[in-house]
Amino acid sequence: MTTSTVATEKASFWARVIAFVVDVVLLSIVSQIVASVLTPASDDPFRGSGISTLLGLAYYLYFWSSYGGGQTLGMRALSIKVVKTDGTQLDIVGALIRYVGLIISFAALLIGVIWVAFDAQRQGWHDKLASTYVVKA
């Protein structure tokens, strides 16, 4: 399998981290609001967690795919975007593969995410799995 390279400059590790933190903060706020509306007096802590997971999945699938232009809100703030290695935008399936890869990257003691800082193509495990780059927009 050959991988073509995108001519656009790849985003730095720190730009990606900051964009992700912005997204996590925004998702946390929205998740808390939605969870409090849907389960106002619930003593079940897992109910809010499920809502948060579903919102996160929908958020990343939409924004990473061509529907969202390959940019989450955090990525837009830092002028970066995710593209396939051939320079085209992801479809929903590609975004789902990248999302699952991101979960694996975090579950492996963050090694798959930190990999971006040391990889020549600035790809984390989730990028390699989904054949994506994060580039300057």
N, C-alpha and C. Protein backbone atom coordinates (compact mmCIF):
# COMPACT_ATOMS: atom_id res chain seq x y z
N MET A 1 0.85 -1.18 0.00
CA MET A 1 0.00 0.00 0.00
C MET A 1 0.89 1.23 0.00
N THR A 2 0.74 2.07 -0.98
CA THR A 2 1.50 3.31 -1.02
C THR A 2 0.66 4.44 -0.49
N THR A 3 1.33 5.34 0.14
CA THR A 3 0.65 6.49 0.71
C THR A 3 1.19 7.74 0.04
N SER A 4 0.31 8.49 -0.59
CA SER A 4 0.75 9.74 -1.19
C SER A 4 0.84 10.80 -0.11
N THR A 5 1.62 11.81 -0.36
CA THR A 5 1.77 12.86 0.64
C THR A 5 1.01 14.10 0.19
N VAL A 6 0.46 14.77 1.15
CA VAL A 6 -0.26 16.00 0.90
C VAL A 6 0.75 17.14 0.89
N ALA A 7 0.63 18.04 -0.09
CA ALA A 7 1.58 19.14 -0.23
C ALA A 7 1.43 20.19 0.87
N THR A 8 0.27 20.28 1.48
CA THR A 8 0.02 21.25 2.54
C THR A 8 0.84 20.90 3.77
N GLU A 9 1.29 21.93 4.49
CA GLU A 9 2.09 21.73 5.69
C GLU A 9 1.26 21.05 6.78
N LYS A 10 1.85 20.08 7.42
CA LYS A 10 1.18 19.34 8.49
C LYS A 10 1.10 20.22 9.75
N ALA A 11 0.04 20.02 10.49
CA ALA A 11 -0.17 20.78 11.73
C ALA A 11 0.78 20.27 12.81
N SER A 12 1.19 21.16 13.68
CA SER A 12 2.10 20.79 14.77
C SER A 12 1.36 19.99 15.84
N PHE A 13 2.12 19.28 16.62
CA PHE A 13 1.58 18.52 17.74
C PHE A 13 0.79 19.44 18.68
N TRP A 14 1.38 20.60 19.02
CA TRP A 14 0.74 21.49 19.98
C TRP A 14 -0.52 22.14 19.44
N ALA A 15 -0.57 22.44 18.15
CA ALA A 15 -1.80 22.98 17.56
C ALA A 15 -2.92 21.95 17.67
N ARG A 16 -2.57 20.70 17.44
CA ARG A 16 -3.55 19.62 17.55
C ARG A 16 -4.02 19.45 18.98
N VAL A 17 -3.11 19.53 19.94
CA VAL A 17 -3.47 19.40 21.36
C VAL A 17 -4.41 20.53 21.77
N ILE A 18 -4.07 21.75 21.42
CA ILE A 18 -4.91 22.89 21.79
C ILE A 18 -6.30 22.78 21.16
N ALA A 19 -6.35 22.40 19.89
CA ALA A 19 -7.64 22.23 19.22
C ALA A 19 -8.47 21.16 19.92
N PHE A 20 -7.83 20.07 20.32
CA PHE A 20 -8.54 19.00 21.01
C PHE A 20 -9.06 19.47 22.36
N VAL A 21 -8.26 20.23 23.08
CA VAL A 21 -8.70 20.74 24.39
C VAL A 21 -9.91 21.66 24.21
N VAL A 22 -9.88 22.52 23.20
CA VAL A 22 -11.04 23.39 22.92
C VAL A 22 -12.27 22.54 22.66
N ASP A 23 -12.12 21.50 21.84
CA ASP A 23 -13.26 20.61 21.54
C ASP A 23 -13.78 19.91 22.79
N VAL A 24 -12.88 19.43 23.63
CA VAL A 24 -13.29 18.72 24.84
C VAL A 24 -14.04 19.66 25.78
N VAL A 25 -13.57 20.89 25.92
CA VAL A 25 -14.26 21.86 26.79
C VAL A 25 -15.66 22.15 26.24
N LEU A 26 -15.76 22.41 24.94
CA LEU A 26 -17.06 22.67 24.33
C LEU A 26 -18.01 21.48 24.48
N LEU A 27 -17.50 20.29 24.20
CA LEU A 27 -18.33 19.08 24.32
C LEU A 27 -18.76 18.85 25.77
N SER A 28 -17.88 19.13 26.70
CA SER A 28 -18.23 18.95 28.12
C SER A 28 -19.37 19.87 28.54
N ILE A 29 -19.29 21.10 28.11
CA ILE A 29 -20.35 22.07 28.44
C ILE A 29 -21.68 21.63 27.84
N VAL A 30 -21.66 21.30 26.55
CA VAL A 30 -22.90 20.87 25.88
C VAL A 30 -23.43 19.58 26.50
N SER A 31 -22.54 18.64 26.79
CA SER A 31 -22.97 17.37 27.39
C SER A 31 -23.62 17.58 28.74
N GLN A 32 -23.06 18.47 29.56
CA GLN A 32 -23.64 18.75 30.87
C GLN A 32 -25.04 19.36 30.74
N ILE A 33 -25.18 20.27 29.78
CA ILE A 33 -26.48 20.91 29.58
C ILE A 33 -27.50 19.88 29.10
N VAL A 34 -27.14 19.10 28.10
CA VAL A 34 -28.06 18.09 27.55
C VAL A 34 -28.40 17.05 28.60
N ALA A 35 -27.41 16.58 29.35
CA ALA A 35 -27.66 15.57 30.38
C ALA A 35 -28.57 16.11 31.47
N SER A 36 -28.39 17.37 31.85
CA SER A 36 -29.24 17.93 32.90
C SER A 36 -30.68 18.14 32.44
N VAL A 37 -30.85 18.39 31.15
CA VAL A 37 -32.21 18.54 30.60
C VAL A 37 -32.89 17.18 30.47
N LEU A 38 -32.15 16.19 29.97
CA LEU A 38 -32.75 14.87 29.73
C LEU A 38 -32.89 14.03 30.99
N THR A 39 -32.00 14.21 31.93
CA THR A 39 -32.05 13.43 33.17
C THR A 39 -31.87 14.37 34.36
N PRO A 40 -32.87 15.24 34.63
CA PRO A 40 -32.70 16.30 35.63
C PRO A 40 -32.42 15.82 37.05
N ALA A 41 -33.09 14.79 37.51
CA ALA A 41 -32.91 14.39 38.92
C ALA A 41 -32.41 12.95 39.01
N SER A 42 -31.69 12.52 38.01
CA SER A 42 -31.24 11.14 37.99
C SER A 42 -30.04 10.93 38.91
N ASP A 43 -30.08 9.82 39.64
CA ASP A 43 -28.94 9.46 40.48
C ASP A 43 -27.99 8.53 39.74
N ASP A 44 -28.28 8.26 38.49
CA ASP A 44 -27.47 7.34 37.69
C ASP A 44 -26.35 8.11 36.99
N PRO A 45 -25.11 7.97 37.47
CA PRO A 45 -23.99 8.72 36.87
C PRO A 45 -23.64 8.24 35.46
N PHE A 46 -24.04 7.02 35.12
CA PHE A 46 -23.71 6.47 33.81
C PHE A 46 -24.59 7.01 32.70
N ARG A 47 -25.74 7.51 33.03
CA ARG A 47 -26.64 8.05 32.03
C ARG A 47 -26.02 9.27 31.35
N GLY A 48 -25.45 10.16 32.11
CA GLY A 48 -24.78 11.34 31.56
C GLY A 48 -23.56 10.94 30.75
N SER A 49 -22.88 9.88 31.16
CA SER A 49 -21.71 9.40 30.44
C SER A 49 -22.11 8.88 29.06
N GLY A 50 -23.21 8.19 28.97
CA GLY A 50 -23.69 7.69 27.68
C GLY A 50 -24.06 8.82 26.74
N ILE A 51 -24.70 9.84 27.28
CA ILE A 51 -25.06 11.01 26.49
C ILE A 51 -23.80 11.70 25.99
N SER A 52 -22.82 11.83 26.85
CA SER A 52 -21.56 12.47 26.50
C SER A 52 -20.85 11.69 25.38
N THR A 53 -20.86 10.37 25.49
CA THR A 53 -20.23 9.53 24.46
C THR A 53 -20.93 9.69 23.12
N LEU A 54 -22.24 9.67 23.12
CA LEU A 54 -22.99 9.82 21.87
C LEU A 54 -22.79 11.20 21.24
N LEU A 55 -22.79 12.23 22.07
CA LEU A 55 -22.55 13.58 21.54
C LEU A 55 -21.14 13.70 20.96
N GLY A 56 -20.16 13.13 21.64
CA GLY A 56 -18.78 13.15 21.15
C GLY A 56 -18.66 12.42 19.82
N LEU A 57 -19.26 11.26 19.73
CA LEU A 57 -19.23 10.49 18.50
C LEU A 57 -19.87 11.28 17.36
N ALA A 58 -21.05 11.82 17.59
CA ALA A 58 -21.74 12.60 16.55
C ALA A 58 -20.92 13.83 16.15
N TYR A 59 -20.36 14.50 17.13
CA TYR A 59 -19.56 15.72 16.89
C TYR A 59 -18.38 15.42 15.98
N TYR A 60 -17.58 14.42 16.36
CA TYR A 60 -16.38 14.13 15.58
C TYR A 60 -16.71 13.53 14.21
N LEU A 61 -17.71 12.67 14.14
CA LEU A 61 -18.07 12.11 12.83
C LEU A 61 -18.52 13.21 11.88
N TYR A 62 -19.32 14.12 12.37
CA TYR A 62 -19.80 15.20 11.51
C TYR A 62 -18.66 16.13 11.10
N PHE A 63 -17.93 16.66 12.05
CA PHE A 63 -16.93 17.69 11.74
C PHE A 63 -15.70 17.15 11.03
N TRP A 64 -15.27 15.92 11.31
CA TRP A 64 -14.12 15.36 10.60
C TRP A 64 -14.47 14.97 9.17
N SER A 65 -15.73 14.69 8.92
CA SER A 65 -16.13 14.25 7.58
C SER A 65 -16.31 15.46 6.66
N SER A 66 -16.61 15.18 5.42
CA SER A 66 -16.83 16.25 4.44
C SER A 66 -18.03 17.12 4.82
N TYR A 67 -18.96 16.59 5.61
CA TYR A 67 -20.12 17.38 6.03
C TYR A 67 -19.69 18.59 6.86
N GLY A 68 -18.67 18.41 7.68
CA GLY A 68 -18.18 19.49 8.53
C GLY A 68 -16.92 20.14 8.00
N GLY A 69 -16.53 19.78 6.79
CA GLY A 69 -15.36 20.39 6.17
C GLY A 69 -14.03 19.91 6.74
N GLY A 70 -14.04 18.81 7.51
CA GLY A 70 -12.80 18.28 8.06
C GLY A 70 -12.26 19.06 9.24
N GLN A 71 -13.08 19.93 9.81
CA GLN A 71 -12.62 20.78 10.92
C GLN A 71 -13.63 20.80 12.05
N THR A 72 -13.17 20.41 13.24
CA THR A 72 -13.99 20.62 14.43
C THR A 72 -13.92 22.11 14.77
N LEU A 73 -14.68 22.54 15.74
CA LEU A 73 -14.65 23.95 16.12
C LEU A 73 -13.27 24.34 16.65
N GLY A 74 -12.64 23.45 17.41
CA GLY A 74 -11.29 23.71 17.90
C GLY A 74 -10.29 23.79 16.76
N MET A 75 -10.45 22.93 15.76
CA MET A 75 -9.56 22.95 14.60
C MET A 75 -9.75 24.24 13.80
N ARG A 76 -10.98 24.69 13.71
CA ARG A 76 -11.24 25.95 13.00
C ARG A 76 -10.56 27.12 13.70
N ALA A 77 -10.60 27.10 15.03
CA ALA A 77 -9.96 28.17 15.80
C ALA A 77 -8.45 28.21 15.56
N LEU A 78 -7.86 27.07 15.27
CA LEU A 78 -6.41 26.99 15.06
C LEU A 78 -6.04 26.85 13.58
N SER A 79 -7.01 26.97 12.70
CA SER A 79 -6.80 26.89 11.24
C SER A 79 -6.08 25.61 10.83
N ILE A 80 -6.60 24.48 11.30
CA ILE A 80 -6.11 23.18 10.87
C ILE A 80 -7.30 22.32 10.47
N LYS A 81 -7.05 21.28 9.70
CA LYS A 81 -8.14 20.38 9.30
C LYS A 81 -7.59 18.99 9.06
N VAL A 82 -8.49 18.02 9.07
CA VAL A 82 -8.13 16.63 8.81
C VAL A 82 -8.50 16.30 7.36
N VAL A 83 -7.57 15.65 6.67
CA VAL A 83 -7.79 15.19 5.30
C VAL A 83 -7.24 13.79 5.16
N LYS A 84 -7.70 13.09 4.13
CA LYS A 84 -7.12 11.79 3.83
C LYS A 84 -5.73 12.02 3.24
N THR A 85 -4.92 10.99 3.21
CA THR A 85 -3.54 11.14 2.74
C THR A 85 -3.46 11.54 1.27
N ASP A 86 -4.55 11.37 0.53
CA ASP A 86 -4.55 11.82 -0.87
C ASP A 86 -5.07 13.25 -1.01
N GLY A 87 -5.37 13.89 0.12
CA GLY A 87 -5.79 15.29 0.12
C GLY A 87 -7.30 15.49 0.07
N THR A 88 -8.07 14.42 -0.09
CA THR A 88 -9.52 14.54 -0.13
C THR A 88 -10.09 14.50 1.29
N GLN A 89 -11.37 14.82 1.40
CA GLN A 89 -12.01 14.83 2.71
C GLN A 89 -12.52 13.44 3.08
N LEU A 90 -12.64 13.22 4.37
CA LEU A 90 -13.13 11.94 4.86
C LEU A 90 -14.62 11.81 4.65
N ASP A 91 -15.07 10.57 4.49
CA ASP A 91 -16.50 10.30 4.54
C ASP A 91 -16.82 9.88 5.98
N ILE A 92 -18.06 9.55 6.25
CA ILE A 92 -18.46 9.19 7.61
C ILE A 92 -17.73 7.94 8.10
N VAL A 93 -17.56 6.97 7.22
CA VAL A 93 -16.87 5.73 7.60
C VAL A 93 -15.41 6.02 7.96
N GLY A 94 -14.75 6.86 7.17
CA GLY A 94 -13.37 7.24 7.48
C GLY A 94 -13.27 7.97 8.80
N ALA A 95 -14.25 8.84 9.08
CA ALA A 95 -14.28 9.56 10.35
C ALA A 95 -14.50 8.59 11.51
N LEU A 96 -15.34 7.58 11.30
CA LEU A 96 -15.59 6.58 12.34
C LEU A 96 -14.33 5.76 12.62
N ILE A 97 -13.61 5.38 11.58
CA ILE A 97 -12.36 4.64 11.75
C ILE A 97 -11.36 5.49 12.53
N ARG A 98 -11.29 6.77 12.20
CA ARG A 98 -10.37 7.67 12.90
C ARG A 98 -10.78 7.82 14.37
N TYR A 99 -12.08 7.90 14.64
CA TYR A 99 -12.58 8.04 16.01
C TYR A 99 -12.24 6.80 16.84
N VAL A 100 -12.48 5.62 16.28
CA VAL A 100 -12.15 4.37 16.97
C VAL A 100 -10.64 4.32 17.22
N GLY A 101 -9.86 4.72 16.22
CA GLY A 101 -8.41 4.76 16.38
C GLY A 101 -7.99 5.73 17.47
N LEU A 102 -8.70 6.84 17.60
CA LEU A 102 -8.38 7.82 18.65
C LEU A 102 -8.63 7.22 20.03
N ILE A 103 -9.71 6.48 20.16
CA ILE A 103 -10.01 5.81 21.44
C ILE A 103 -8.89 4.83 21.78
N ILE A 104 -8.46 4.06 20.78
CA ILE A 104 -7.36 3.11 20.98
C ILE A 104 -6.08 3.86 21.36
N SER A 105 -5.82 4.97 20.67
CA SER A 105 -4.62 5.77 20.94
C SER A 105 -4.60 6.29 22.37
N PHE A 106 -5.75 6.70 22.88
CA PHE A 106 -5.84 7.16 24.26
C PHE A 106 -5.75 5.99 25.24
N ALA A 107 -6.39 4.88 24.89
CA ALA A 107 -6.41 3.72 25.79
C ALA A 107 -5.01 3.12 25.97
N ALA A 108 -4.16 3.29 24.99
CA ALA A 108 -2.79 2.76 25.07
C ALA A 108 -1.89 3.76 25.79
N LEU A 109 -2.36 4.26 26.92
CA LEU A 109 -1.60 5.19 27.76
C LEU A 109 -1.15 6.44 27.01
N LEU A 110 -1.97 6.90 26.09
CA LEU A 110 -1.74 8.10 25.28
C LEU A 110 -0.61 7.95 24.26
N ILE A 111 -0.02 6.77 24.18
CA ILE A 111 1.12 6.58 23.28
C ILE A 111 0.74 6.88 21.84
N GLY A 112 -0.44 6.43 21.42
CA GLY A 112 -0.87 6.65 20.04
C GLY A 112 -1.09 8.11 19.70
N VAL A 113 -1.40 8.91 20.70
CA VAL A 113 -1.60 10.35 20.49
C VAL A 113 -0.26 11.08 20.54
N ILE A 114 0.55 10.72 21.50
CA ILE A 114 1.88 11.35 21.63
C ILE A 114 2.75 11.03 20.41
N TRP A 115 2.45 9.93 19.75
CA TRP A 115 3.17 9.52 18.55
C TRP A 115 3.28 10.65 17.53
N VAL A 116 2.29 11.50 17.48
CA VAL A 116 2.28 12.64 16.55
C VAL A 116 3.54 13.49 16.69
N ALA A 117 4.00 13.67 17.92
CA ALA A 117 5.15 14.54 18.18
C ALA A 117 6.45 13.98 17.62
N PHE A 118 6.51 12.68 17.41
CA PHE A 118 7.75 12.04 16.99
C PHE A 118 7.71 11.45 15.58
N ASP A 119 6.54 11.38 14.99
CA ASP A 119 6.37 10.78 13.67
C ASP A 119 6.80 11.76 12.58
N ALA A 120 7.49 11.28 11.58
CA ALA A 120 7.96 12.13 10.48
C ALA A 120 6.81 12.77 9.72
N GLN A 121 5.66 12.09 9.62
CA GLN A 121 4.49 12.62 8.93
C GLN A 121 3.50 13.28 9.88
N ARG A 122 3.88 13.37 11.15
CA ARG A 122 3.02 13.95 12.20
C ARG A 122 1.67 13.24 12.28
N GLN A 123 1.72 11.93 12.19
CA GLN A 123 0.51 11.12 12.30
C GLN A 123 0.49 10.36 13.61
N GLY A 124 -0.68 10.37 14.27
CA GLY A 124 -0.89 9.51 15.42
C GLY A 124 -1.37 8.16 14.91
N TRP A 125 -1.55 7.23 15.83
CA TRP A 125 -2.03 5.91 15.43
C TRP A 125 -3.38 6.00 14.74
N HIS A 126 -4.24 6.89 15.23
CA HIS A 126 -5.57 7.05 14.65
C HIS A 126 -5.46 7.60 13.22
N ASP A 127 -4.47 8.45 12.96
CA ASP A 127 -4.25 8.96 11.60
C ASP A 127 -3.76 7.85 10.69
N LYS A 128 -2.85 7.05 11.19
CA LYS A 128 -2.31 5.96 10.39
C LYS A 128 -3.41 4.95 10.06
N LEU A 129 -4.23 4.64 11.05
CA LEU A 129 -5.32 3.68 10.87
C LEU A 129 -6.33 4.17 9.83
N ALA A 130 -6.64 5.46 9.87
CA ALA A 130 -7.64 6.03 8.95
C ALA A 130 -7.01 6.64 7.70
N SER A 131 -5.69 6.57 7.57
CA SER A 131 -4.96 7.18 6.43
C SER A 131 -5.28 8.67 6.32
N THR A 132 -5.02 9.39 7.40
CA THR A 132 -5.31 10.83 7.42
C THR A 132 -4.09 11.62 7.88
N TYR A 133 -4.13 12.90 7.55
CA TYR A 133 -3.19 13.90 8.03
C TYR A 133 -4.00 15.03 8.65
N VAL A 134 -3.39 15.74 9.56
CA VAL A 134 -3.96 17.01 10.03
C VAL A 134 -3.04 18.08 9.46
N VAL A 135 -3.61 18.97 8.64
CA VAL A 135 -2.83 19.95 7.90
C VAL A 135 -3.31 21.36 8.25
N LYS A 136 -2.49 22.34 7.90
CA LYS A 136 -2.90 23.73 8.06
C LYS A 136 -3.96 24.04 7.02
N ALA A 137 -5.01 24.70 7.47
CA ALA A 137 -6.15 24.98 6.59
C ALA A 137 -5.91 26.28 5.80
